[in-house]
C-alpha atoms as a PDB file:
ATOM      1  CA  MET A   1       0.000   0.000   0.000  1.00  0.00           C
ATOM      2  CA  THR A   2       1.390   3.269  -1.150  1.00  0.00           C
ATOM      3  CA  SER A   3       1.112   6.160   1.341  1.00  0.00           C
ATOM      4  CA  ALA A   4       0.092   9.734   0.168  1.00  0.00           C
ATOM      5  CA  LYS A   5       2.854  12.264  -0.008  1.00  0.00           C
ATOM      6  CA  THR A   6       2.359  15.816   1.273  1.00  0.00           C
ATOM      7  CA  THR A   7       3.915  18.502  -0.844  1.00  0.00           C
ATOM      8  CA  SER A   8       4.778  21.824   0.779  1.00  0.00           C
ATOM      9  CA  THR A   9       5.991  24.999  -0.830  1.00  0.00           C
ATOM     10  CA  VAL A  10       8.498  27.028   1.002  1.00  0.00           C
ATOM     11  CA  VAL A  11       8.024  30.818   0.483  1.00  0.00           C
ATOM     12  CA  PRO A  12      11.037  32.880   1.326  1.00  0.00           C
ATOM     13  CA  GLN A  13      10.465  35.141   4.317  1.00  0.00           C
ATOM     14  CA  LYS A  14      11.545  38.197   2.339  1.00  0.00           C
ATOM     15  CA  LEU A  15       8.931  37.561  -0.351  1.00  0.00           C
ATOM     16  CA  LEU A  16       6.246  36.920   2.273  1.00  0.00           C
ATOM     17  CA  ASN A  17       6.971  40.176   4.016  1.00  0.00           C
ATOM     18  CA  GLY A  18       6.661  42.017   0.694  1.00  0.00           C
ATOM     19  CA  LEU A  19       3.228  40.499  -0.024  1.00  0.00           C
ATOM     20  CA  LEU A  20       1.971  41.418   3.428  1.00  0.00           C
ATOM     21  CA  ALA A  21       3.172  45.015   2.997  1.00  0.00           C
ATOM     22  CA  GLN A  22       1.334  45.331  -0.319  1.00  0.00           C
ATOM     23  CA  GLU A  23      -1.866  44.059   1.327  1.00  0.00           C
ATOM     24  CA  ARG A  24      -1.611  46.571   4.154  1.00  0.00           C
ATOM     25  CA  GLU A  25      -1.010  49.419   1.670  1.00  0.00           C
ATOM     26  CA  SER A  26      -4.102  48.405  -0.323  1.00  0.00           C
ATOM     27  CA  LEU A  27      -6.221  48.425   2.835  1.00  0.00           C
ATOM     28  CA  GLU A  28      -4.925  51.868   3.843  1.00  0.00           C
ATOM     29  CA  HIS A  29      -5.987  53.366   0.498  1.00  0.00           C
ATOM     30  CA  LEU A  30      -9.549  52.154   0.801  1.00  0.00           C
ATOM     31  CA  SER A  31     -11.982  55.077   1.472  1.00  0.00           C
ATOM     32  CA  TYR A  32     -15.407  54.877   2.988  1.00  0.00           C
ATOM     33  CA  THR A  33     -18.356  57.280   2.418  1.00  0.00           C
ATOM     34  CA  ILE A  34     -20.928  57.425   5.188  1.00  0.00           C
ATOM     35  CA  CYS A  35     -24.260  58.865   4.087  1.00  0.00           C
ATOM     36  CA  SER A  36     -26.935  60.128   6.441  1.00  0.00           C
ATOM     37  CA  VAL A  37     -30.428  61.168   5.417  1.00  0.00           C
ATOM     38  CA  ILE A  38     -31.627  64.498   6.833  1.00  0.00           C
ATOM     39  CA  PRO A  39     -35.422  64.481   7.246  1.00  0.00           C
ATOM     40  CA  ASP A  40     -37.359  67.074   5.264  1.00  0.00           C
ATOM     41  CA  SER A  41     -38.946  69.020   8.131  1.00  0.00           C
ATOM     42  CA  LEU A  42     -39.259  72.508   6.593  1.00  0.00           C
ATOM     43  CA  THR A  43     -42.801  73.939   6.672  1.00  0.00           C
ATOM     44  CA  VAL A  44     -44.047  77.292   5.333  1.00  0.00           C
ATOM     45  CA  THR A  45     -47.556  78.397   6.216  1.00  0.00           C
ATOM     46  CA  ALA A  46     -49.579  81.518   5.462  1.00  0.00           C
ATOM     47  CA  THR A  47     -53.280  82.219   5.480  1.00  0.00           C
ATOM     48  CA  ALA A  48     -54.851  81.895   2.038  1.00  0.00           C
ATOM     49  CA  GLN A  49     -57.147  84.896   1.608  1.00  0.00           C
ATOM     50  CA  THR A  50     -58.527  87.446  -0.838  1.00  0.00           C
ATOM     51  CA  LEU A  51     -58.016  91.121   0.022  1.00  0.00           C
ATOM     52  CA  SER A  52     -59.395  94.280  -1.594  1.00  0.00           C
ATOM     53  CA  LYS A  53     -57.308  97.420  -1.213  1.00  0.00           C
ATOM     54  CA  VAL A  54     -57.350 100.976  -2.529  1.00  0.00           C
ATOM     55  CA  GLU A  55     -54.340 102.615  -4.137  1.00  0.00           C
ATOM     56  CA  GLY A  56     -52.264 104.203  -1.388  1.00  0.00           C
ATOM     57  CA  ASP A  57     -53.319 101.680   1.274  1.00  0.00           C
ATOM     58  CA  THR A  58     -50.892  99.579   3.341  1.00  0.00           C
ATOM     59  CA  LEU A  59     -50.611  95.802   2.899  1.00  0.00           C
ATOM     60  CA  GLN A  60     -49.257  93.475   5.592  1.00  0.00           C
ATOM     61  CA  LEU A  61     -48.827  89.713   5.161  1.00  0.00           C
ATOM     62  CA  SER A  62     -47.167  87.173   7.466  1.00  0.00           C
ATOM     63  CA  CYS A  63     -45.878  83.644   7.097  1.00  0.00           C
ATOM     64  CA  GLU A  64     -44.549  81.046   9.549  1.00  0.00           C
ATOM     65  CA  VAL A  65     -41.373  79.110   8.752  1.00  0.00           C
ATOM     66  CA  THR A  66     -40.417  76.150  10.944  1.00  0.00           C
ATOM     67  CA  ARG A  67     -37.897  73.276  10.755  1.00  0.00           C
ATOM     68  CA  GLN A  68     -37.022  70.410  13.103  1.00  0.00           C
ATOM     69  CA  THR A  69     -33.615  69.148  12.043  1.00  0.00           C
ATOM     70  CA  SER A  70     -30.719  68.280  14.341  1.00  0.00           C
ATOM     71  CA  GLN A  71     -28.246  69.542  11.740  1.00  0.00           C
ATOM     72  CA  HIS A  72     -26.889  73.094  11.732  1.00  0.00           C
ATOM     73  CA  THR A  73     -28.871  74.675   8.889  1.00  0.00           C
ATOM     74  CA  HIS A  74     -29.768  78.211   7.808  1.00  0.00           C
ATOM     75  CA  VAL A  75     -33.039  79.486   6.335  1.00  0.00           C
ATOM     76  CA  SER A  76     -33.719  82.136   3.692  1.00  0.00           C
ATOM     77  CA  VAL A  77     -37.215  83.628   3.340  1.00  0.00           C
ATOM     78  CA  GLY A  78     -38.585  85.665   0.456  1.00  0.00           C
ATOM     79  CA  TRP A  79     -41.870  87.130  -0.729  1.00  0.00           C
ATOM     80  CA  TYR A  80     -43.014  86.924  -4.327  1.00  0.00           C
ATOM     81  CA  LEU A  81     -45.801  88.415  -6.441  1.00  0.00           C
ATOM     82  CA  ARG A  82     -47.434  86.804  -9.427  1.00  0.00           C
ATOM     83  CA  PRO A  83     -48.880  89.923 -11.139  1.00  0.00           C
ATOM     84  CA  ALA A  84     -52.500  89.896 -12.222  1.00  0.00           C
ATOM     85  CA  ASP A  85     -51.833  91.993 -15.334  1.00  0.00           C
ATOM     86  CA  ASP A  86     -49.187  89.586 -16.683  1.00  0.00           C
ATOM     87  CA  PRO A  87     -49.649  86.097 -15.184  1.00  0.00           C
ATOM     88  CA  ASN A  88     -47.427  84.473 -17.827  1.00  0.00           C
ATOM     89  CA  SER A  89     -44.354  86.553 -16.949  1.00  0.00           C
ATOM     90  CA  GLY A  90     -43.508  84.502 -13.875  1.00  0.00           C
ATOM     91  CA  PRO A  91     -43.355  85.657 -10.249  1.00  0.00           C
ATOM     92  CA  ARG A  92     -41.650  88.897  -9.253  1.00  0.00           C
ATOM     93  CA  ASP A  93     -39.050  88.793  -6.519  1.00  0.00           C
ATOM     94  CA  LEU A  94     -40.160  91.414  -3.982  1.00  0.00           C
ATOM     95  CA  VAL A  95     -37.626  91.041  -1.172  1.00  0.00           C
ATOM     96  CA  THR A  96     -35.647  88.193   0.413  1.00  0.00           C
ATOM     97  CA  LEU A  97     -34.004  87.786   3.806  1.00  0.00           C
ATOM     98  CA  SER A  98     -30.964  85.695   2.900  1.00  0.00           C
ATOM     99  CA  ARG A  99     -29.472  82.800   4.923  1.00  0.00           C
ATOM    100  CA  ASP A 100     -26.854  85.251   6.267  1.00  0.00           C
ATOM    101  CA  PHE A 101     -29.624  87.686   7.345  1.00  0.00           C
ATOM    102  CA  VAL A 102     -29.189  90.274   4.578  1.00  0.00           C
ATOM    103  CA  LEU A 103     -32.165  91.949   2.873  1.00  0.00           C
ATOM    104  CA  ARG A 104     -32.044  91.669  -0.910  1.00  0.00           C
ATOM    105  CA  PRO A 105     -34.777  93.449  -2.925  1.00  0.00           C
ATOM    106  CA  GLY A 106     -35.948  92.379  -6.355  1.00  0.00           C
ATOM    107  CA  GLY A 107     -34.748  94.620  -9.185  1.00  0.00           C
ATOM    108  CA  GLN A 108     -38.069  96.447  -9.595  1.00  0.00           C
ATOM    109  CA  TYR A 109     -38.419  97.055  -5.863  1.00  0.00           C
ATOM    110  CA  ARG A 110     -34.978  98.382  -4.928  1.00  0.00           C
ATOM    111  CA  GLN A 111     -36.191 101.995  -4.809  1.00  0.00           C
ATOM    112  CA  ARG A 112     -39.252 101.156  -2.713  1.00  0.00           C
ATOM    113  CA  LEU A 113     -37.134  99.253  -0.186  1.00  0.00           C
ATOM    114  CA  SER A 114     -34.631 102.111   0.147  1.00  0.00           C
ATOM    115  CA  SER A 115     -37.450 104.655   0.595  1.00  0.00           C
ATOM    116  CA  GLY A 116     -39.098 102.553   3.320  1.00  0.00           C
ATOM    117  CA  ASP A 117     -42.229 101.758   1.300  1.00  0.00           C
ATOM    118  CA  LEU A 118     -41.301  98.044   1.293  1.00  0.00           C
ATOM    119  CA  ARG A 119     -40.271  96.075   4.396  1.00  0.00           C
ATOM    120  CA  LEU A 120     -39.551  92.489   5.413  1.00  0.00           C
ATOM    121  CA  ASP A 121     -39.280  91.997   9.169  1.00  0.00           C
ATOM    122  CA  LYS A 122     -38.539  88.916  11.237  1.00  0.00           C
ATOM    123  CA  ILE A 123     -40.938  89.521  14.112  1.00  0.00           C
ATOM    124  CA  SER A 124     -40.302  86.248  15.984  1.00  0.00           C
ATOM    125  CA  ALA A 125     -38.177  83.115  15.729  1.00  0.00           C
ATOM    126  CA  THR A 126     -40.479  81.703  13.056  1.00  0.00           C
ATOM    127  CA  SER A 127     -42.625  84.615  11.801  1.00  0.00           C
ATOM    128  CA  TYR A 128     -41.797  86.885   8.839  1.00  0.00           C
ATOM    129  CA  ARG A 129     -43.901  89.924   7.933  1.00  0.00           C
ATOM    130  CA  LEU A 130     -44.077  91.689   4.573  1.00  0.00           C
ATOM    131  CA  THR A 131     -45.240  95.330   4.581  1.00  0.00           C
ATOM    132  CA  ILE A 132     -45.954  97.421   1.488  1.00  0.00           C
ATOM    133  CA  TYR A 133     -46.870 101.065   2.030  1.00  0.00           C
ATOM    134  CA  LYS A 134     -48.595 103.178  -0.624  1.00  0.00           C
ATOM    135  CA  LEU A 135     -49.922 100.310  -2.698  1.00  0.00           C
ATOM    136  CA  GLN A 136     -49.956 100.820  -6.454  1.00  0.00           C
ATOM    137  CA  PRO A 137     -52.279  99.267  -9.037  1.00  0.00           C
ATOM    138  CA  THR A 138     -49.286  97.265 -10.339  1.00  0.00           C
ATOM    139  CA  ASP A 139     -49.096  95.520  -6.933  1.00  0.00           C
ATOM    140  CA  GLN A 140     -52.256  93.590  -7.746  1.00  0.00           C
ATOM    141  CA  GLY A 141     -51.890  89.807  -7.957  1.00  0.00           C
ATOM    142  CA  GLU A 142     -51.051  86.732  -5.887  1.00  0.00           C
ATOM    143  CA  PHE A 143     -48.554  87.023  -3.027  1.00  0.00           C
ATOM    144  CA  TYR A 144     -46.782  84.057  -1.477  1.00  0.00           C
ATOM    145  CA  CYS A 145     -43.885  83.336   0.842  1.00  0.00           C
ATOM    146  CA  GLU A 146     -41.054  80.955  -0.084  1.00  0.00           C
ATOM    147  CA  ALA A 147     -38.415  79.511   2.264  1.00  0.00           C
ATOM    148  CA  SER A 148     -35.267  77.483   1.590  1.00  0.00           C
ATOM    149  CA  GLU A 149     -33.229  75.462   4.079  1.00  0.00           C
ATOM    150  CA  TRP A 150     -29.469  75.554   3.510  1.00  0.00           C
ATOM    151  CA  ILE A 151     -26.604  73.394   4.784  1.00  0.00           C
ATOM    152  CA  GLN A 152     -22.856  73.936   4.487  1.00  0.00           C
ATOM    153  CA  ASP A 153     -20.601  71.163   3.165  1.00  0.00           C
ATOM    154  CA  PRO A 154     -17.147  70.479   4.636  1.00  0.00           C
ATOM    155  CA  ASP A 155     -15.693  72.368   1.660  1.00  0.00           C
ATOM    156  CA  ARG A 156     -17.645  75.417   2.980  1.00  0.00           C
ATOM    157  CA  SER A 157     -20.006  75.592  -0.004  1.00  0.00           C
ATOM    158  CA  TRP A 158     -23.747  76.034   0.662  1.00  0.00           C
ATOM    159  CA  TYR A 159     -26.500  73.859  -0.749  1.00  0.00           C
ATOM    160  CA  ALA A 160     -30.274  74.313  -0.612  1.00  0.00           C
ATOM    161  CA  MET A 161     -31.639  71.077   0.807  1.00  0.00           C
ATOM    162  CA  THR A 162     -35.308  71.904   0.324  1.00  0.00           C
ATOM    163  CA  ARG A 163     -37.591  74.711  -0.793  1.00  0.00           C
ATOM    164  CA  MET A 164     -41.241  75.252   0.179  1.00  0.00           C
ATOM    165  CA  GLU A 165     -43.977  77.762  -0.762  1.00  0.00           C
ATOM    166  CA  SER A 166     -46.898  79.011   1.275  1.00  0.00           C
ATOM    167  CA  GLU A 167     -50.512  79.326   0.239  1.00  0.00           C
ATOM    168  CA  LYS A 168     -51.213  82.369  -1.933  1.00  0.00           C
ATOM    169  CA  THR A 169     -53.038  85.570  -1.004  1.00  0.00           C
ATOM    170  CA  SER A 170     -54.916  87.314  -3.799  1.00  0.00           C
ATOM    171  CA  VAL A 171     -54.798  91.112  -3.557  1.00  0.00           C
ATOM    172  CA  LYS A 172     -56.886  93.506  -5.644  1.00  0.00           C
ATOM    173  CA  VAL A 173     -55.828  97.169  -5.731  1.00  0.00           C
ATOM    174  CA  GLN A 174     -58.484  99.676  -6.773  1.00  0.00           C
ATOM    175  CA  PRO A 175     -56.939 102.747  -8.443  1.00  0.00           C
ATOM    176  CA  THR A 176     -57.855 106.046  -6.833  1.00  0.00           C
ATOM    177  CA  ASP A 177     -59.224 109.001  -8.707  1.00  0.00           C
ATOM    178  CA  ARG A 178     -56.184 111.266  -8.868  1.00  0.00           C
ATOM    179  CA  ASP A 179     -58.233 114.355  -9.619  1.00  0.00           C
ATOM    180  CA  PHE A 180     -58.866 116.939  -6.902  1.00  0.00           C
ATOM    181  CA  SER A 181     -60.702 120.217  -6.451  1.00  0.00           C
ATOM    182  CA  ILE A 182     -60.179 123.161  -4.100  1.00  0.00           C
ATOM    183  CA  GLN A 183     -62.408 125.798  -2.599  1.00  0.00           C
ATOM    184  CA  VAL A 184     -61.786 128.865  -0.424  1.00  0.00           C
ATOM    185  CA  ASN A 185     -64.356 129.800   2.206  1.00  0.00           C
ATOM    186  CA  THR A 186     -64.733 132.866   4.417  1.00  0.00           C
ATOM    187  CA  GLU A 187     -67.562 134.231   6.564  1.00  0.00           C
ATOM    188  CA  ARG A 188     -67.932 137.423   4.505  1.00  0.00           C
ATOM    189  CA  ARG A 189     -66.209 139.541   1.895  1.00  0.00           C
ATOM    190  CA  ALA A 190     -66.473 143.042   3.487  1.00  0.00           C
ATOM    191  CA  TYR A 191     -64.526 143.987   6.616  1.00  0.00           C
ATOM    192  CA  THR A 192     -63.564 147.042   8.632  1.00  0.00           C
ATOM    193  CA  ALA A 193     -59.932 147.853   9.388  1.00  0.00           C
ATOM    194  CA  GLY A 194     -58.878 146.216  12.641  1.00  0.00           C
ATOM    195  CA  GLU A 195     -61.103 143.145  12.221  1.00  0.00           C
ATOM    196  CA  PRO A 196     -59.671 139.644  11.731  1.00  0.00           C
ATOM    197  CA  LEU A 197     -59.992 137.716   8.476  1.00  0.00           C
ATOM    198  CA  GLU A 198     -60.049 133.921   8.222  1.00  0.00           C
ATOM    199  CA  LEU A 199     -59.740 132.083   4.910  1.00  0.00           C
ATOM    200  CA  ARG A 200     -59.874 128.294   4.643  1.00  0.00           C
ATOM    201  CA  CYS A 201     -58.709 126.343   1.634  1.00  0.00           C
ATOM    202  CA  THR A 202     -60.329 122.892   1.398  1.00  0.00           C
ATOM    203  CA  ILE A 203     -58.930 120.084  -0.767  1.00  0.00           C
ATOM    204  CA  ASP A 204     -61.563 117.658  -2.019  1.00  0.00           C
ATOM    205  CA  ALA A 205     -59.867 114.419  -3.127  1.00  0.00           C
ATOM    206  CA  GLN A 206     -59.637 110.722  -2.399  1.00  0.00           C
ATOM    207  CA  ASN A 207     -57.158 109.461   0.153  1.00  0.00           C
ATOM    208  CA  VAL A 208     -55.785 112.917   0.987  1.00  0.00           C
ATOM    209  CA  PRO A 209     -53.629 111.823   3.990  1.00  0.00           C
ATOM    210  CA  GLU A 210     -51.595 109.492   1.752  1.00  0.00           C
ATOM    211  CA  ARG A 211     -50.953 112.108  -0.935  1.00  0.00           C
ATOM    212  CA  PHE A 212     -48.426 114.966  -1.078  1.00  0.00           C
ATOM    213  CA  PHE A 213     -50.056 118.382  -1.374  1.00  0.00           C
ATOM    214  CA  SER A 214     -48.483 121.822  -1.091  1.00  0.00           C
ATOM    215  CA  VAL A 215     -50.722 124.845  -0.501  1.00  0.00           C
ATOM    216  CA  SER A 216     -49.798 128.393  -1.512  1.00  0.00           C
ATOM    217  CA  TRP A 217     -51.650 131.515  -0.415  1.00  0.00           C
ATOM    218  CA  VAL A 218     -51.411 134.418  -2.835  1.00  0.00           C
ATOM    219  CA  PHE A 219     -52.667 138.005  -2.388  1.00  0.00           C
ATOM    220  CA  SER A 220     -52.871 140.179  -5.510  1.00  0.00           C
ATOM    221  CA  SER A 221     -50.121 138.154  -7.231  1.00  0.00           C
ATOM    222  CA  SER A 222     -47.818 138.418  -4.178  1.00  0.00           C
ATOM    223  CA  PRO A 223     -46.948 135.254  -2.214  1.00  0.00           C
ATOM    224  CA  VAL A 224     -48.240 135.181   1.348  1.00  0.00           C
ATOM    225  CA  ALA A 225     -47.110 131.713   2.457  1.00  0.00           C
ATOM    226  CA  VAL A 226     -46.498 128.170   1.245  1.00  0.00           C
ATOM    227  CA  ILE A 227     -47.190 125.051   3.300  1.00  0.00           C
ATOM    228  CA  GLY A 228     -45.599 121.844   2.030  1.00  0.00           C
ATOM    229  CA  PRO A 229     -46.352 118.239   3.026  1.00  0.00           C
ATOM    230  CA  SER A 230     -44.260 118.757   6.183  1.00  0.00           C
ATOM    231  CA  ALA A 231     -46.794 121.454   7.304  1.00  0.00           C
ATOM    232  CA  VAL A 232     -43.998 123.982   7.939  1.00  0.00           C
ATOM    233  CA  PRO A 233     -44.980 127.375   6.434  1.00  0.00           C
ATOM    234  CA  VAL A 234     -42.598 129.440   4.325  1.00  0.00           C
ATOM    235  CA  LEU A 235     -43.630 133.101   4.410  1.00  0.00           C
ATOM    236  CA  GLY A 236     -43.500 135.669   1.658  1.00  0.00           C
ATOM    237  CA  PRO A 237     -41.132 138.598   2.289  1.00  0.00           C
ATOM    238  CA  ASN A 238     -43.961 141.057   2.965  1.00  0.00           C
ATOM    239  CA  TYR A 239     -45.472 138.890   5.715  1.00  0.00           C
ATOM    240  CA  VAL A 240     -42.527 137.770   7.829  1.00  0.00           C
ATOM    241  CA  GLU A 241     -42.854 140.726  10.232  1.00  0.00           C
ATOM    242  CA  ARG A 242     -46.624 140.337  10.601  1.00  0.00           C
ATOM    243  CA  GLU A 243     -46.222 136.642  11.449  1.00  0.00           C
ATOM    244  CA  ALA A 244     -43.492 137.458  13.987  1.00  0.00           C
ATOM    245  CA  SER A 245     -45.826 140.006  15.622  1.00  0.00           C
ATOM    246  CA  GLY A 246     -48.608 137.429  15.920  1.00  0.00           C
ATOM    247  CA  LEU A 247     -50.746 139.215  13.315  1.00  0.00           C
ATOM    248  CA  LEU A 248     -50.587 136.387  10.752  1.00  0.00           C
ATOM    249  CA  THR A 249     -51.326 132.686  11.158  1.00  0.00           C
ATOM    250  CA  VAL A 250     -50.809 130.018   8.513  1.00  0.00           C
ATOM    251  CA  ARG A 251     -51.749 126.533   9.637  1.00  0.00           C
ATOM    252  CA  LYS A 252     -52.656 123.088   8.367  1.00  0.00           C
ATOM    253  CA  GLU A 253     -55.783 122.295  10.380  1.00  0.00           C
ATOM    254  CA  SER A 254     -56.232 118.830   8.857  1.00  0.00           C
ATOM    255  CA  PRO A 255     -54.905 116.928   5.829  1.00  0.00           C
ATOM    256  CA  SER A 256     -57.500 118.643   3.646  1.00  0.00           C
ATOM    257  CA  ILE A 257     -58.052 122.054   5.331  1.00  0.00           C
ATOM    258  CA  HIS A 258     -55.525 124.916   5.423  1.00  0.00           C
ATOM    259  CA  LEU A 259     -56.062 128.185   7.297  1.00  0.00           C
ATOM    260  CA  LEU A 260     -54.885 131.729   6.573  1.00  0.00           C
ATOM    261  CA  LYS A 261     -55.725 134.218   9.326  1.00  0.00           C
ATOM    262  CA  LEU A 262     -54.934 137.930   9.334  1.00  0.00           C
ATOM    263  CA  GLN A 263     -55.351 139.848  12.586  1.00  0.00           C
ATOM    264  CA  ARG A 264     -56.130 143.598  12.557  1.00  0.00           C
ATOM    265  CA  LEU A 265     -56.841 144.048   8.881  1.00  0.00           C
ATOM    266  CA  LEU A 266     -55.410 147.077   7.123  1.00  0.00           C
ATOM    267  CA  PRO A 267     -57.030 148.915   4.198  1.00  0.00           C
ATOM    268  CA  GLU A 268     -54.163 147.728   1.993  1.00  0.00           C
ATOM    269  CA  ASP A 269     -55.286 144.131   2.695  1.00  0.00           C
ATOM    270  CA  SER A 270     -58.155 144.755   0.266  1.00  0.00           C
ATOM    271  CA  GLY A 271     -57.768 142.692  -2.873  1.00  0.00           C
ATOM    272  CA  LYS A 272     -57.951 139.192  -4.367  1.00  0.00           C
ATOM    273  CA  TYR A 273     -56.910 136.135  -2.365  1.00  0.00           C
ATOM    274  CA  ILE A 274     -56.133 132.827  -4.065  1.00  0.00           C
ATOM    275  CA  CYS A 275     -55.321 129.351  -2.812  1.00  0.00           C
ATOM    276  CA  ARG A 276     -53.089 127.343  -5.150  1.00  0.00           C
ATOM    277  CA  VAL A 277     -52.661 123.585  -4.517  1.00  0.00           C
ATOM    278  CA  THR A 278     -49.914 121.448  -6.055  1.00  0.00           C
ATOM    279  CA  GLU A 279     -49.801 117.668  -5.796  1.00  0.00           C
ATOM    280  CA  ARG A 280     -46.451 115.947  -6.104  1.00  0.00           C
ATOM    281  CA  GLU A 281     -47.008 112.379  -7.259  1.00  0.00           C
ATOM    282  CA  LYS A 282     -44.274 109.751  -7.157  1.00  0.00           C
ATOM    283  CA  THR A 283     -44.300 107.354 -10.089  1.00  0.00           C
ATOM    284  CA  PRO A 284     -43.283 103.651  -9.838  1.00  0.00           C
ATOM    285  CA  THR A 285     -39.939 104.578 -11.434  1.00  0.00           C
ATOM    286  CA  GLY A 286     -39.155 107.035  -8.629  1.00  0.00           C
ATOM    287  CA  ASP A 287     -39.769 110.189 -10.688  1.00  0.00           C
ATOM    288  CA  PHE A 288     -42.093 113.005  -9.587  1.00  0.00           C
ATOM    289  CA  ILE A 289     -44.999 114.614 -11.409  1.00  0.00           C
ATOM    290  CA  ASP A 290     -46.448 117.954 -10.237  1.00  0.00           C
ATOM    291  CA  ARG A 291     -50.056 118.917 -10.888  1.00  0.00           C
ATOM    292  CA  SER A 292     -51.435 122.288  -9.778  1.00  0.00           C
ATOM    293  CA  LYS A 293     -54.839 123.892  -9.434  1.00  0.00           C
ATOM    294  CA  ARG A 294     -55.938 127.278  -8.127  1.00  0.00           C
ATOM    295  CA  SER A 295     -59.101 128.429  -6.466  1.00  0.00           C
ATOM    296  CA  ARG A 296     -61.363 131.175  -7.696  1.00  0.00           C
ATOM    297  CA  ASN A 297     -60.454 134.707  -6.657  1.00  0.00           C
ATOM    298  CA  VAL A 298     -61.864 135.759  -3.308  1.00  0.00           C
ATOM    299  CA  GLN A 299     -62.322 139.526  -3.327  1.00  0.00           C
ATOM    300  CA  ILE A 300     -61.928 141.053   0.135  1.00  0.00           C
ATOM    301  CA  THR A 301     -62.777 144.679   0.876  1.00  0.00           C
ATOM    302  CA  VAL A 302     -61.380 146.433   3.962  1.00  0.00           C
ATOM    303  CA  THR A 303     -62.971 149.772   4.846  1.00  0.00           C
ATOM    304  CA  PRO A 304     -60.793 152.273   6.773  1.00  0.00           C
ATOM    305  CA  LEU A 305     -62.065 153.145  10.237  1.00  0.00           C
ATOM    306  CA  SER A 306     -62.458 156.864   9.346  1.00  0.00           C
ATOM    307  CA  GLU A 307     -64.816 156.043   6.475  1.00  0.00           C
ATOM    308  CA  TYR A 308     -66.715 153.605   8.660  1.00  0.00           C
ATOM    309  CA  HIS A 309     -67.241 156.220  11.406  1.00  0.00           C
ATOM    310  CA  SER A 310     -68.245 158.854   8.847  1.00  0.00           C
ATOM    311  CA  SER A 311     -70.900 156.626   7.322  1.00  0.00           C
ATOM    312  CA  SER A 312     -72.156 155.702  10.807  1.00  0.00           C
ATOM    313  CA  SER A 313     -72.404 159.372  11.835  1.00  0.00           C
ATOM    314  CA  ALA A 314     -74.346 160.202   8.710  1.00  0.00           C
ATOM    315  CA  LEU A 315     -77.084 157.837   9.855  1.00  0.00           C
ATOM    316  CA  CYS A 316     -77.550 159.686  13.158  1.00  0.00           C
ATOM    317  CA  PHE A 317     -80.233 162.478  13.428  1.00  0.00           C
END
């Protein structure tokens, strides 16, 4: 019976060590990528509603933005308008609060943001409020809030993980009638020297408090005073001393009523008084348009005291 022979191969120790070194080097160059899934927890909510406004009104809309992720993420929030007059043009970017907390207006709204007529405020940890002052007919359409959640990669680049939109609010803006009329009222047209005279110029127009009117008082082609939107009067050269002596009052009693009062009338105060009103209107492009109207002439007669006493004496028997 023949017994089985066992054959063995002898590997030199030097060669074995080289093979083991190559194996270790291959293992060291292996790289592993560990992926983790971040849950999509971003929510954006706003009340869906339909609002009717008048040109010049103020619009305020709010949205809530929440997220529940354990990762360190940032949020950007913006408001957009899909215009009613051109629904196929895509939404307009109104204003965005970026992930690094910087306000960035849309191109068409840069001027309105800088003038304070457009605002985006973070009023709580999760609430964002859009405010538009002095609404224009071109602001009509659907408004909505959009939020994005951002995360920073190890290479320091930012990526938007998710983006959500709120429900839309439909806003209708009724244009105002830009026309206006003015009227000057006084108790009577005939006075005696020494009596006071009160003239009131009334502006009849829509939405007067939101518009910019300047009122000029003119006497016989000479300027008496001008009151601008700031309600600070600028006096004509012939009336500075009378105002300083308390004998002249120019005042804005209300947005639509302006007063001119002369104390202790003089005979030379006889003549024609006019109220001229100028509206300065700001266009969407930031330019200004001035439109002026003047009242009818108000003829005032001031009788000297000597003539008044003479006529009174003539009536006595």
